[in-house]
Amino acid sequence: MLTRTNRGILQAIVKWYDMKKKWPSNIDVAQILNVNELTVERAYNALVSRGYLIKTKYGRYRLSNLKENSLDVLQCICETMAYKGYCPSDKELSKMLNLSEKMINYHLKQLVKAEYIRIGNDEHGRYFEIRRFR
């Protein structure tokens, strides 16, 4: 279970990535949240131990089991569901992200495999259940 601080730090990491399209360092996250760098380092270690992040070369971090385009697909799904009130189709996602429908399907499978989303079907068509970070 993630603490409120760790959840906030994870949200700041994803927000920074959405804005700048690069992964933030510990110093960047500390400046965004106005917290101590040691607190951010502890949060990073907690996120790594719980499987949310993995540490890559040169001391960088990234979300586990996901590629950058998968995060863009997840962000696009969230925004469409929040602002338009429906689940986007593969065709809509491919137009928004300038990716082929085949790549959209690949990234959706990656998101399901990493348990970030679950895809279901009902009488209205396909829908997504987005996993909330605990």
Protein backbone atom coordinates (compact mmCIF):
# COMPACT_ATOMS: atom_id res chain seq x y z
CA MET A 1 0.00 0.00 0.00
CA LEU A 2 1.36 3.40 -0.95
CA THR A 3 1.35 6.27 1.49
CA ARG A 4 -0.12 9.62 0.56
CA THR A 5 3.39 11.05 0.06
CA ASN A 6 4.43 8.23 -2.27
CA ARG A 7 1.21 8.58 -4.24
CA GLY A 8 1.82 12.32 -4.58
CA ILE A 9 5.38 11.75 -5.73
CA LEU A 10 4.25 9.16 -8.29
CA GLN A 11 1.64 11.60 -9.59
CA ALA A 12 4.28 14.35 -9.80
CA ILE A 13 6.55 12.04 -11.80
CA VAL A 14 3.79 11.24 -14.29
CA LYS A 15 2.74 14.90 -14.50
CA TRP A 16 6.34 16.00 -15.15
CA TYR A 17 6.63 13.36 -17.88
CA ASP A 18 3.37 14.52 -19.46
CA MET A 19 4.59 18.13 -19.58
CA LYS A 20 8.23 17.66 -20.57
CA LYS A 21 8.24 14.20 -22.24
CA LYS A 22 11.26 13.15 -20.17
CA TRP A 23 11.62 11.50 -16.80
CA PRO A 24 12.35 13.82 -13.85
CA SER A 25 15.31 13.49 -11.55
CA ASN A 26 15.02 13.46 -7.76
CA ILE A 27 15.87 17.15 -7.68
CA ASP A 28 13.10 17.99 -10.16
CA VAL A 29 10.49 16.14 -8.11
CA ALA A 30 11.73 17.76 -4.90
CA GLN A 31 11.39 21.21 -6.48
CA ILE A 32 7.90 20.48 -7.84
CA LEU A 33 6.56 19.30 -4.49
CA ASN A 34 8.73 21.54 -2.33
CA VAL A 35 10.03 18.64 -0.25
CA ASN A 36 13.42 17.38 0.82
CA GLU A 37 15.44 15.33 -1.68
CA LEU A 38 15.88 12.62 0.95
CA THR A 39 12.08 12.24 1.13
CA VAL A 40 11.95 11.85 -2.64
CA GLU A 41 14.74 9.25 -2.56
CA ARG A 42 12.89 7.24 0.09
CA ALA A 43 9.69 7.46 -1.97
CA TYR A 44 11.53 6.30 -5.09
CA ASN A 45 12.90 3.31 -3.15
CA ALA A 46 9.42 2.48 -1.86
CA LEU A 47 7.97 2.72 -5.38
CA VAL A 48 10.73 0.46 -6.71
CA SER A 49 10.23 -2.11 -3.95
CA ARG A 50 6.48 -2.22 -4.62
CA GLY A 51 6.97 -2.66 -8.36
CA TYR A 52 5.64 0.70 -9.59
CA LEU A 53 9.03 1.93 -10.83
CA ILE A 54 12.24 0.33 -11.99
CA LYS A 55 15.69 1.86 -11.83
CA THR A 56 17.49 2.12 -15.15
CA LYS A 57 21.03 3.07 -16.06
CA TYR A 58 22.51 6.35 -14.88
CA GLY A 59 20.25 6.52 -11.82
CA ARG A 60 17.05 7.17 -13.79
CA TYR A 61 13.65 5.67 -13.08
CA ARG A 62 10.69 4.71 -15.23
CA LEU A 63 7.34 3.01 -14.74
CA SER A 64 7.70 -0.74 -14.73
CA ASN A 65 6.74 -2.84 -17.75
CA LEU A 66 5.61 0.13 -19.82
CA LYS A 67 7.01 1.98 -22.76
CA GLU A 68 6.58 5.72 -23.14
CA ASN A 69 3.87 5.41 -25.79
CA SER A 70 1.89 3.17 -23.44
CA LEU A 71 1.79 6.02 -20.95
CA ASP A 72 0.58 8.35 -23.71
CA VAL A 73 -2.21 5.89 -24.54
CA LEU A 74 -3.18 5.67 -20.86
CA GLN A 75 -3.19 9.47 -20.56
CA CYS A 76 -5.31 9.80 -23.70
CA ILE A 77 -7.83 7.25 -22.39
CA CYS A 78 -8.07 9.06 -19.04
CA GLU A 79 -8.58 12.47 -20.65
CA THR A 80 -11.21 11.21 -23.10
CA MET A 81 -13.12 9.45 -20.35
CA ALA A 82 -12.95 12.48 -18.06
CA TYR A 83 -13.73 15.24 -20.55
CA LYS A 84 -15.92 13.53 -23.16
CA GLY A 85 -17.53 10.88 -20.95
CA TYR A 86 -16.94 7.81 -23.10
CA CYS A 87 -14.23 5.26 -23.83
CA PRO A 88 -12.26 6.06 -26.98
CA SER A 89 -12.05 3.57 -29.83
CA ASP A 90 -8.75 2.36 -31.26
CA LYS A 91 -9.32 4.60 -34.28
CA GLU A 92 -9.80 7.69 -32.10
CA LEU A 93 -6.69 6.85 -30.07
CA SER A 94 -4.65 6.36 -33.23
CA LYS A 95 -5.74 9.78 -34.56
CA MET A 96 -4.98 11.52 -31.25
CA LEU A 97 -1.54 9.96 -30.86
CA ASN A 98 -0.51 9.58 -34.52
CA LEU A 99 0.06 5.84 -34.05
CA SER A 100 -1.32 2.95 -36.06
CA GLU A 101 -4.23 0.95 -34.68
CA LYS A 102 -1.92 -2.06 -34.46
CA MET A 103 0.43 -0.11 -32.15
CA ILE A 104 -2.55 1.10 -30.09
CA ASN A 105 -3.61 -2.53 -29.59
CA TYR A 106 -0.04 -3.43 -28.62
CA HIS A 107 0.12 -0.67 -26.02
CA LEU A 108 -3.32 -1.58 -24.66
CA LYS A 109 -2.11 -5.16 -24.20
CA GLN A 110 0.95 -3.83 -22.38
CA LEU A 111 -1.26 -1.74 -20.08
CA VAL A 112 -3.47 -4.77 -19.34
CA LYS A 113 -0.43 -6.97 -18.74
CA ALA A 114 1.00 -4.41 -16.30
CA GLU A 115 -2.45 -4.25 -14.64
CA TYR A 116 -2.88 -0.52 -15.20
CA ILE A 117 -6.20 -1.04 -16.98
CA ARG A 118 -8.78 -3.75 -17.49
CA ILE A 119 -10.81 -3.98 -20.69
CA GLY A 120 -14.42 -5.07 -20.46
CA ASN A 121 -17.41 -5.27 -22.76
CA ASP A 122 -21.09 -4.56 -22.14
CA GLU A 123 -24.15 -3.78 -24.26
CA HIS A 124 -22.72 -0.36 -25.14
CA GLY A 125 -19.37 -1.71 -26.34
CA ARG A 126 -15.87 -1.74 -24.94
CA TYR A 127 -14.97 0.06 -21.74
CA PHE A 128 -11.82 0.53 -19.66
CA GLU A 129 -11.42 0.19 -15.92
CA ILE A 130 -8.39 2.19 -14.88
CA ARG A 131 -6.49 0.89 -11.88
CA ARG A 132 -6.05 3.43 -9.12
CA PHE A 133 -2.76 3.58 -7.27
CA ARG A 134 -3.21 2.58 -3.65
